[in-house]
Amino acid sequence: MTPFDLLLYAGVVFGWSTSWLPLKWHLGVVAPEISLFWRFLMAAPMMFLLAYISGQPTWFHWRLHWRFAALGLFIFSGNFTLFYHAANGVASGLLAV
């Protein structure tokens, strides 16, 4: 493994092992849907910057946006909303698993 591979691995381990922290910080203050809205709103500019730096396309035909909306609704929004609601009754250690 190259040092870059190890760096990527460490980044993934750090990201997933601390992902439950923002979730616990958000719970109880506002509705989970509002927390998710702000979380994705803050992540969007970072993702556009990452796509721009890596040379990925950031413009797509308008017809593809329906597919993107469906993916966002069913894969991300629904999953995260249910996860946030479930986190209200589960110990934080189980959220990391």
Protein backbone atom coordinates (compact mmCIF):
# COMPACT_ATOMS: atom_id res chain seq x y z
CA MET A 1 0.00 0.00 0.00
CA THR A 2 1.20 3.46 -0.82
CA PRO A 3 1.20 6.29 1.74
CA PHE A 4 -1.69 7.88 -0.16
CA ASP A 5 -3.73 4.68 0.21
CA LEU A 6 -3.08 4.72 3.94
CA LEU A 7 -4.14 8.36 4.10
CA LEU A 8 -7.38 7.56 2.29
CA TYR A 9 -8.00 4.64 4.62
CA ALA A 10 -7.37 6.80 7.69
CA GLY A 11 -9.76 9.42 6.32
CA VAL A 12 -12.54 6.88 5.86
CA VAL A 13 -12.00 5.40 9.32
CA PHE A 14 -12.00 8.85 10.92
CA GLY A 15 -15.07 9.96 8.98
CA TRP A 16 -17.17 6.91 9.78
CA SER A 17 -16.04 6.58 13.37
CA THR A 18 -17.04 10.16 14.17
CA SER A 19 -20.19 10.37 12.04
CA TRP A 20 -22.44 9.77 15.04
CA LEU A 21 -21.22 12.97 16.77
CA PRO A 22 -23.03 15.50 14.56
CA LEU A 23 -26.12 13.33 14.71
CA LYS A 24 -26.18 13.41 18.51
CA TRP A 25 -25.48 17.17 18.51
CA HIS A 26 -28.45 17.82 16.23
CA LEU A 27 -30.99 15.69 18.03
CA GLY A 28 -33.50 17.31 20.33
CA VAL A 29 -32.90 20.94 19.34
CA VAL A 30 -34.91 21.00 16.12
CA ALA A 31 -36.77 18.46 14.02
CA PRO A 32 -34.53 15.88 12.31
CA GLU A 33 -35.62 17.09 8.88
CA ILE A 34 -34.38 20.61 9.64
CA SER A 35 -31.05 19.24 10.85
CA LEU A 36 -30.69 17.24 7.65
CA PHE A 37 -31.54 20.27 5.53
CA TRP A 38 -28.75 22.29 7.12
CA ARG A 39 -26.32 19.38 7.02
CA PHE A 40 -26.76 18.85 3.27
CA LEU A 41 -26.85 22.61 2.61
CA MET A 42 -23.43 22.94 4.24
CA ALA A 43 -22.06 19.87 2.43
CA ALA A 44 -23.18 20.95 -1.06
CA PRO A 45 -20.60 23.74 -1.59
CA MET A 46 -17.83 21.45 -0.37
CA MET A 47 -18.89 18.77 -2.85
CA PHE A 48 -19.00 21.28 -5.71
CA LEU A 49 -15.50 22.45 -4.78
CA LEU A 50 -14.25 18.87 -4.65
CA ALA A 51 -15.83 18.13 -8.05
CA TYR A 52 -14.30 21.29 -9.53
CA ILE A 53 -10.82 20.53 -8.17
CA SER A 54 -10.92 16.92 -9.38
CA GLY A 55 -12.19 17.91 -12.82
CA GLN A 56 -15.57 16.20 -12.53
CA PRO A 57 -18.49 17.69 -14.47
CA THR A 58 -20.75 20.02 -12.51
CA TRP A 59 -23.28 20.70 -15.27
CA PHE A 60 -25.80 18.10 -16.37
CA HIS A 61 -28.70 18.09 -18.78
CA TRP A 62 -31.94 19.23 -17.15
CA ARG A 63 -33.62 15.87 -17.81
CA LEU A 64 -31.13 14.12 -15.54
CA HIS A 65 -32.17 16.28 -12.60
CA TRP A 66 -35.34 14.18 -12.14
CA ARG A 67 -33.13 11.15 -11.62
CA PHE A 68 -30.90 13.07 -9.23
CA ALA A 69 -33.95 14.18 -7.25
CA ALA A 70 -35.23 10.60 -7.03
CA LEU A 71 -31.83 9.37 -5.85
CA GLY A 72 -31.67 12.13 -3.26
CA LEU A 73 -35.17 11.40 -2.02
CA PHE A 74 -34.98 7.64 -1.78
CA ILE A 75 -31.33 6.98 -0.99
CA PHE A 76 -30.26 9.96 1.07
CA SER A 77 -33.23 11.89 2.42
CA GLY A 78 -35.35 8.91 3.40
CA ASN A 79 -32.45 6.96 4.85
CA PHE A 80 -31.08 9.85 6.87
CA THR A 81 -34.51 10.95 8.10
CA LEU A 82 -35.32 7.48 9.40
CA PHE A 83 -31.85 7.20 10.92
CA TYR A 84 -32.22 10.54 12.73
CA HIS A 85 -35.64 9.59 14.07
CA ALA A 86 -34.32 6.21 15.24
CA ALA A 87 -31.38 7.89 16.97
CA ASN A 88 -33.75 9.54 19.43
CA GLY A 89 -34.25 6.19 21.17
CA VAL A 90 -30.93 4.43 20.61
CA ALA A 91 -27.67 4.74 22.53
CA SER A 92 -25.00 6.70 20.67
CA GLY A 93 -22.65 3.72 20.63
CA LEU A 94 -25.08 1.79 18.44
CA LEU A 95 -25.22 4.65 15.96
CA ALA A 96 -21.56 4.18 15.12
CA VAL A 97 -22.19 0.55 14.19
